[in-house]
Amino acid sequence: MSEVHQAITKHSNRQHQLVKTFVQLEGQREAYIEDAVQRCKEGLPFTVEGINQVTDEINALAKNGIVPTRKRVTPEMVKEYVARKYGNN
C-alpha cells in the first residue's frame, strides 16, 4: 500500500508542478501580448518573438496532457486585434 501511495503522491506532485509552470508561462505570455498590443496602439514597432517563445514552451508542456495549448501569434493578429478593439492602425 505504501508504494501505491508514494506513486500517487509522486504523480500528483508532478501534475501540480506542470500546472504551476503553466500558470507562470501564461502570465509571461500575457505580459508579452499586452506589451505588443500597447506598442501597436501607439504606432511603435513591436515583435511577437517573446510571445511565441513562451507559447512554444507552453505547447511543449501541454504534450504531457494536463495543460492546454496556445496558438502562436503573428504581427497581423496583433494589428487586427488592435484595429478591432481600439479602431487604430
N, C-alpha and C. Protein backbone atom coordinates (compact mmCIF):
# COMPACT_ATOMS: atom_id res chain seq x y z
N MET A 1 0.82 -1.20 0.00
CA MET A 1 0.00 0.00 0.00
C MET A 1 0.85 1.26 0.00
N SER A 2 1.93 1.23 0.72
CA SER A 2 2.80 2.40 0.81
C SER A 2 3.35 2.79 -0.55
N GLU A 3 3.71 1.79 -1.37
CA GLU A 3 4.25 2.06 -2.70
C GLU A 3 3.20 2.72 -3.59
N VAL A 4 1.97 2.28 -3.46
CA VAL A 4 0.88 2.87 -4.25
C VAL A 4 0.69 4.32 -3.84
N HIS A 5 0.68 4.56 -2.54
CA HIS A 5 0.52 5.91 -2.02
C HIS A 5 1.66 6.82 -2.52
N GLN A 6 2.88 6.30 -2.49
CA GLN A 6 4.03 7.08 -2.96
C GLN A 6 3.92 7.38 -4.45
N ALA A 7 3.47 6.40 -5.22
CA ALA A 7 3.32 6.60 -6.66
C ALA A 7 2.25 7.65 -6.96
N ILE A 8 1.15 7.58 -6.24
CA ILE A 8 0.08 8.56 -6.42
C ILE A 8 0.57 9.95 -6.02
N THR A 9 1.27 10.04 -4.91
CA THR A 9 1.80 11.32 -4.45
C THR A 9 2.78 11.89 -5.47
N LYS A 10 3.65 11.05 -5.98
CA LYS A 10 4.63 11.50 -6.98
C LYS A 10 3.91 12.01 -8.23
N HIS A 11 2.92 11.27 -8.69
CA HIS A 11 2.14 11.67 -9.87
C HIS A 11 1.42 13.00 -9.62
N SER A 12 0.81 13.12 -8.46
CA SER A 12 0.08 14.34 -8.10
C SER A 12 1.03 15.54 -8.03
N ASN A 13 2.18 15.34 -7.43
CA ASN A 13 3.17 16.43 -7.33
C ASN A 13 3.66 16.85 -8.71
N ARG A 14 3.85 15.88 -9.59
CA ARG A 14 4.30 16.18 -10.95
C ARG A 14 3.24 17.00 -11.69
N GLN A 15 1.99 16.60 -11.56
CA GLN A 15 0.91 17.35 -12.21
C GLN A 15 0.80 18.75 -11.64
N HIS A 16 0.93 18.87 -10.34
CA HIS A 16 0.88 20.19 -9.69
C HIS A 16 2.00 21.09 -10.23
N GLN A 17 3.19 20.53 -10.39
CA GLN A 17 4.32 21.31 -10.91
C GLN A 17 4.07 21.74 -12.35
N LEU A 18 3.48 20.86 -13.16
CA LEU A 18 3.15 21.20 -14.54
C LEU A 18 2.17 22.38 -14.59
N VAL A 19 1.14 22.31 -13.76
CA VAL A 19 0.15 23.38 -13.72
C VAL A 19 0.78 24.68 -13.23
N LYS A 20 1.62 24.58 -12.22
CA LYS A 20 2.30 25.77 -11.68
C LYS A 20 3.18 26.41 -12.75
N THR A 21 3.92 25.60 -13.48
CA THR A 21 4.76 26.11 -14.56
C THR A 21 3.91 26.75 -15.65
N PHE A 22 2.80 26.10 -15.99
CA PHE A 22 1.89 26.65 -17.00
C PHE A 22 1.39 28.03 -16.58
N VAL A 23 0.97 28.17 -15.35
CA VAL A 23 0.45 29.45 -14.87
C VAL A 23 1.52 30.54 -14.98
N GLN A 24 2.76 30.22 -14.63
CA GLN A 24 3.85 31.18 -14.74
C GLN A 24 4.08 31.56 -16.20
N LEU A 25 4.13 30.57 -17.08
CA LEU A 25 4.35 30.84 -18.50
C LEU A 25 3.19 31.64 -19.10
N GLU A 26 1.98 31.30 -18.71
CA GLU A 26 0.81 32.02 -19.21
C GLU A 26 0.87 33.50 -18.80
N GLY A 27 1.33 33.76 -17.59
CA GLY A 27 1.49 35.15 -17.14
C GLY A 27 2.52 35.89 -17.98
N GLN A 28 3.63 35.22 -18.27
CA GLN A 28 4.66 35.83 -19.12
C GLN A 28 4.11 36.11 -20.52
N ARG A 29 3.38 35.14 -21.04
CA ARG A 29 2.81 35.29 -22.39
C ARG A 29 1.85 36.47 -22.44
N GLU A 30 0.99 36.57 -21.45
CA GLU A 30 0.04 37.68 -21.40
C GLU A 30 0.75 39.03 -21.31
N ALA A 31 1.84 39.08 -20.56
CA ALA A 31 2.60 40.33 -20.45
C ALA A 31 3.22 40.71 -21.80
N TYR A 32 3.76 39.73 -22.51
CA TYR A 32 4.31 39.99 -23.85
C TYR A 32 3.21 40.45 -24.81
N ILE A 33 2.05 39.83 -24.73
CA ILE A 33 0.93 40.22 -25.59
C ILE A 33 0.51 41.65 -25.28
N GLU A 34 0.37 41.97 -24.01
CA GLU A 34 -0.04 43.31 -23.61
C GLU A 34 0.96 44.36 -24.11
N ASP A 35 2.24 44.04 -24.01
CA ASP A 35 3.27 44.95 -24.48
C ASP A 35 3.15 45.17 -26.00
N ALA A 36 2.96 44.08 -26.74
CA ALA A 36 2.83 44.19 -28.20
C ALA A 36 1.59 44.99 -28.56
N VAL A 37 0.48 44.76 -27.89
CA VAL A 37 -0.75 45.49 -28.16
C VAL A 37 -0.56 46.98 -27.85
N GLN A 38 0.04 47.27 -26.72
CA GLN A 38 0.26 48.68 -26.34
C GLN A 38 1.15 49.39 -27.35
N ARG A 39 2.23 48.74 -27.75
CA ARG A 39 3.14 49.34 -28.72
C ARG A 39 2.44 49.54 -30.06
N CYS A 40 1.67 48.56 -30.47
CA CYS A 40 0.92 48.67 -31.73
C CYS A 40 -0.08 49.82 -31.65
N LYS A 41 -0.79 49.94 -30.55
CA LYS A 41 -1.75 51.03 -30.34
C LYS A 41 -1.07 52.39 -30.51
N GLU A 42 0.16 52.48 -30.01
CA GLU A 42 0.90 53.74 -30.05
C GLU A 42 1.63 53.95 -31.38
N GLY A 43 1.50 52.99 -32.28
CA GLY A 43 2.15 53.10 -33.58
C GLY A 43 3.65 52.83 -33.52
N LEU A 44 4.09 52.16 -32.47
CA LEU A 44 5.51 51.86 -32.30
C LEU A 44 5.80 50.46 -32.85
N PRO A 45 7.06 50.21 -33.21
CA PRO A 45 7.41 48.85 -33.65
C PRO A 45 7.22 47.85 -32.50
N PHE A 46 6.82 46.66 -32.85
CA PHE A 46 6.65 45.61 -31.84
C PHE A 46 7.05 44.27 -32.45
N THR A 47 7.24 43.31 -31.59
CA THR A 47 7.61 41.97 -32.03
C THR A 47 6.74 40.95 -31.32
N VAL A 48 6.59 39.79 -31.95
CA VAL A 48 5.84 38.69 -31.34
C VAL A 48 6.78 37.55 -30.94
N GLU A 49 8.07 37.78 -31.03
CA GLU A 49 9.05 36.73 -30.73
C GLU A 49 8.92 36.22 -29.30
N GLY A 50 8.84 37.13 -28.34
CA GLY A 50 8.71 36.72 -26.94
C GLY A 50 7.43 35.93 -26.70
N ILE A 51 6.35 36.40 -27.31
CA ILE A 51 5.06 35.71 -27.18
C ILE A 51 5.21 34.27 -27.67
N ASN A 52 5.79 34.12 -28.85
CA ASN A 52 5.87 32.79 -29.45
C ASN A 52 6.90 31.89 -28.78
N GLN A 53 7.92 32.47 -28.20
CA GLN A 53 8.88 31.66 -27.45
C GLN A 53 8.18 31.02 -26.25
N VAL A 54 7.43 31.84 -25.52
CA VAL A 54 6.70 31.32 -24.36
C VAL A 54 5.59 30.36 -24.82
N THR A 55 4.94 30.68 -25.94
CA THR A 55 3.91 29.80 -26.48
C THR A 55 4.49 28.43 -26.78
N ASP A 56 5.68 28.40 -27.37
CA ASP A 56 6.31 27.11 -27.66
C ASP A 56 6.60 26.32 -26.38
N GLU A 57 7.00 27.04 -25.32
CA GLU A 57 7.24 26.37 -24.04
C GLU A 57 5.94 25.80 -23.48
N ILE A 58 4.87 26.58 -23.58
CA ILE A 58 3.56 26.11 -23.10
C ILE A 58 3.12 24.88 -23.89
N ASN A 59 3.28 24.93 -25.21
CA ASN A 59 2.85 23.81 -26.04
C ASN A 59 3.68 22.56 -25.80
N ALA A 60 4.96 22.73 -25.48
CA ALA A 60 5.79 21.58 -25.11
C ALA A 60 5.29 20.98 -23.79
N LEU A 61 4.94 21.84 -22.85
CA LEU A 61 4.41 21.40 -21.57
C LEU A 61 3.07 20.67 -21.77
N ALA A 62 2.27 21.16 -22.72
CA ALA A 62 0.94 20.58 -22.97
C ALA A 62 1.02 19.16 -23.52
N LYS A 63 2.17 18.77 -24.04
CA LYS A 63 2.32 17.41 -24.55
C LYS A 63 2.16 16.38 -23.44
N ASN A 64 2.27 16.83 -22.20
CA ASN A 64 2.06 15.94 -21.06
C ASN A 64 0.57 15.73 -20.78
N GLY A 65 -0.28 16.47 -21.50
CA GLY A 65 -1.71 16.22 -21.45
C GLY A 65 -2.52 16.90 -20.37
N ILE A 66 -1.91 17.68 -19.52
CA ILE A 66 -2.67 18.25 -18.42
C ILE A 66 -2.98 19.74 -18.60
N VAL A 67 -2.20 20.44 -19.40
CA VAL A 67 -2.42 21.87 -19.61
C VAL A 67 -2.78 22.11 -21.08
N PRO A 68 -3.52 23.19 -21.36
CA PRO A 68 -3.93 23.47 -22.74
C PRO A 68 -2.80 24.05 -23.59
N THR A 69 -2.96 23.92 -24.88
CA THR A 69 -2.02 24.53 -25.82
C THR A 69 -2.44 25.98 -26.06
N ARG A 70 -1.55 26.72 -26.66
CA ARG A 70 -1.83 28.11 -27.05
C ARG A 70 -1.41 28.30 -28.50
N LYS A 71 -2.09 29.19 -29.20
CA LYS A 71 -1.75 29.48 -30.59
C LYS A 71 -0.56 30.42 -30.66
N ARG A 72 0.27 30.20 -31.67
CA ARG A 72 1.34 31.16 -31.96
C ARG A 72 0.68 32.42 -32.50
N VAL A 73 1.36 33.54 -32.34
CA VAL A 73 0.81 34.85 -32.70
C VAL A 73 1.64 35.46 -33.83
N THR A 74 0.94 36.08 -34.77
CA THR A 74 1.62 36.80 -35.85
C THR A 74 1.45 38.30 -35.63
N PRO A 75 2.33 39.10 -36.23
CA PRO A 75 2.14 40.56 -36.13
C PRO A 75 0.77 40.99 -36.66
N GLU A 76 0.30 40.32 -37.70
CA GLU A 76 -1.01 40.65 -38.27
C GLU A 76 -2.13 40.41 -37.26
N MET A 77 -2.00 39.36 -36.47
CA MET A 77 -3.01 39.09 -35.44
C MET A 77 -3.08 40.22 -34.43
N VAL A 78 -1.92 40.73 -34.04
CA VAL A 78 -1.88 41.85 -33.09
C VAL A 78 -2.53 43.08 -33.72
N LYS A 79 -2.15 43.38 -34.96
CA LYS A 79 -2.71 44.55 -35.65
C LYS A 79 -4.22 44.44 -35.80
N GLU A 80 -4.70 43.25 -36.17
CA GLU A 80 -6.15 43.04 -36.31
C GLU A 80 -6.86 43.22 -34.98
N TYR A 81 -6.27 42.70 -33.92
CA TYR A 81 -6.87 42.84 -32.58
C TYR A 81 -6.96 44.31 -32.19
N VAL A 82 -5.87 45.04 -32.39
CA VAL A 82 -5.86 46.47 -32.03
C VAL A 82 -6.88 47.23 -32.87
N ALA A 83 -6.94 46.95 -34.16
CA ALA A 83 -7.90 47.63 -35.03
C ALA A 83 -9.33 47.34 -34.60
N ARG A 84 -9.61 46.08 -34.25
CA ARG A 84 -10.95 45.68 -33.84
C ARG A 84 -11.32 46.29 -32.50
N LYS A 85 -10.39 46.24 -31.55
CA LYS A 85 -10.70 46.69 -30.19
C LYS A 85 -10.62 48.21 -30.03
N TYR A 86 -9.64 48.82 -30.68
CA TYR A 86 -9.39 50.25 -30.46
C TYR A 86 -9.63 51.12 -31.69
N GLY A 87 -9.86 50.48 -32.84
CA GLY A 87 -10.10 51.25 -34.05
C GLY A 87 -8.87 51.99 -34.56
N ASN A 88 -7.67 51.48 -34.20
CA ASN A 88 -6.41 52.10 -34.63
C ASN A 88 -5.75 51.24 -35.69
N ASN A 89 -4.74 51.85 -36.30
CA ASN A 89 -3.83 51.18 -37.24
C ASN A 89 -4.61 50.41 -38.27
